[in-house]
Amino acid sequence: MRLPKTWSHRAACKIIENLKAKNLIEISIAEKDLIEETEKVIIDELMVEERLNEEVRQILKQYETEIEKGKLDYRKLFEMTKQKIIKERNIII
C-alpha cells in the first residue's frame, strides 16, 4: 500500500492521542518512543499486502510463457493465487 511517510506518523500520533483521551493506556515510556513503535507497527501491517503481492509475482513467474502466449489471464491468476495464499495462511488484509 503506497502512502506518504507522514501519514503513518500522523496516524500513530492520533491513535496514541485517542487512547490517552479515553484512558485506555497508561504510558510508562517516553511518548515519542511509543509513537515511533506505533508507527513501526502501522507500517509493518500495511506492508503485509505488499509482501504478499511480491510473493504471488514470484510464483507466477513460472507461468510467464503461458501468460505471454495468452493461454492464461495474469490478473485472474494473480487474484486466485493471492486469495489461495490468504486463505491458507489466514492473512487479514
Protein backbone atom coordinates (compact mmCIF):
# COMPACT_ATOMS: atom_id res chain seq x y z
CA MET A 1 0.00 0.00 0.00
CA ARG A 2 1.53 3.26 -1.06
CA LEU A 3 1.05 6.09 1.41
CA PRO A 4 3.09 9.15 2.25
CA LYS A 5 5.51 8.55 5.14
CA THR A 6 3.96 11.42 7.07
CA TRP A 7 0.62 9.58 7.09
CA SER A 8 1.89 6.77 9.32
CA HIS A 9 3.33 9.27 11.79
CA ARG A 10 0.10 11.26 11.94
CA ALA A 11 -1.92 8.08 12.34
CA ALA A 12 0.33 6.88 15.17
CA CYS A 13 0.00 10.23 16.95
CA LYS A 14 -3.78 10.19 16.55
CA ILE A 15 -4.04 6.61 17.85
CA ILE A 16 -1.97 7.38 20.95
CA GLU A 17 -3.87 10.64 21.50
CA ASN A 18 -7.24 8.86 21.31
CA LEU A 19 -6.15 6.02 23.60
CA LYS A 20 -4.87 8.53 26.15
CA ALA A 21 -8.04 10.64 25.94
CA LYS A 22 -10.17 7.56 26.68
CA ASN A 23 -7.83 6.45 29.48
CA LEU A 24 -7.26 3.14 27.72
CA ILE A 25 -3.50 3.24 28.12
CA GLU A 26 -1.06 4.26 30.78
CA ILE A 27 2.20 5.40 29.24
CA SER A 28 5.30 4.21 31.06
CA ILE A 29 7.85 5.14 28.38
CA ALA A 30 8.58 8.36 26.55
CA GLU A 31 5.60 9.28 24.41
CA LYS A 32 7.95 9.90 21.47
CA ASP A 33 9.16 6.28 21.72
CA LEU A 34 5.60 4.99 21.94
CA ILE A 35 4.64 6.93 18.82
CA GLU A 36 7.69 5.58 16.97
CA GLU A 37 6.83 1.99 17.90
CA THR A 38 3.20 2.51 16.93
CA GLU A 39 4.33 3.91 13.60
CA LYS A 40 6.51 0.83 13.00
CA VAL A 41 3.53 -1.45 13.69
CA ILE A 42 1.33 0.52 11.28
CA ILE A 43 3.95 0.37 8.52
CA ASP A 44 4.54 -3.34 9.10
CA GLU A 45 0.82 -4.08 8.86
CA LEU A 46 0.49 -2.03 5.68
CA MET A 47 3.40 -3.92 4.15
CA VAL A 48 1.73 -7.32 4.59
CA GLU A 49 -0.13 -6.95 1.32
CA GLU A 50 2.95 -5.64 -0.50
CA ARG A 51 4.97 -8.67 0.61
CA LEU A 52 2.12 -10.99 -0.37
CA ASN A 53 1.84 -9.38 -3.82
CA GLU A 54 5.58 -9.81 -4.36
CA GLU A 55 5.34 -13.47 -3.37
CA VAL A 56 2.48 -14.01 -5.84
CA ARG A 57 4.52 -12.30 -8.60
CA GLN A 58 7.40 -14.68 -7.90
CA ILE A 59 5.08 -17.71 -8.03
CA LEU A 60 3.56 -16.57 -11.33
CA LYS A 61 6.97 -16.19 -12.97
CA GLN A 62 6.93 -19.94 -13.61
CA TYR A 63 3.86 -19.43 -15.83
CA GLU A 64 5.35 -16.48 -17.70
CA THR A 65 5.43 -18.12 -21.13
CA GLU A 66 1.82 -19.33 -20.93
CA ILE A 67 0.71 -15.87 -19.80
CA GLU A 68 2.62 -14.19 -22.63
CA LYS A 69 1.09 -16.55 -25.18
CA GLY A 70 -2.36 -15.57 -23.93
CA LYS A 71 -3.14 -19.02 -22.55
CA LEU A 72 -3.54 -17.63 -19.02
CA ASP A 73 -5.01 -14.36 -17.76
CA TYR A 74 -2.39 -12.79 -15.47
CA ARG A 75 -4.86 -10.67 -13.43
CA LYS A 76 -7.19 -13.59 -12.83
CA LEU A 77 -4.32 -15.93 -11.97
CA PHE A 78 -2.81 -13.28 -9.69
CA GLU A 79 -6.04 -12.81 -7.74
CA MET A 80 -6.71 -16.55 -7.50
CA THR A 81 -3.18 -17.23 -6.24
CA LYS A 82 -3.36 -14.34 -3.79
CA GLN A 83 -6.72 -15.49 -2.39
CA LYS A 84 -5.43 -19.04 -2.03
CA ILE A 85 -2.42 -17.87 0.00
CA ILE A 86 -4.61 -15.59 2.11
CA LYS A 87 -6.93 -18.48 2.91
CA GLU A 88 -4.13 -20.97 3.60
CA ARG A 89 -2.27 -18.63 5.95
CA ASN A 90 -5.28 -16.87 7.48
CA ILE A 91 -3.90 -13.49 6.44
CA ILE A 92 -6.03 -10.47 7.18
CA ILE A 93 -5.81 -7.70 4.60
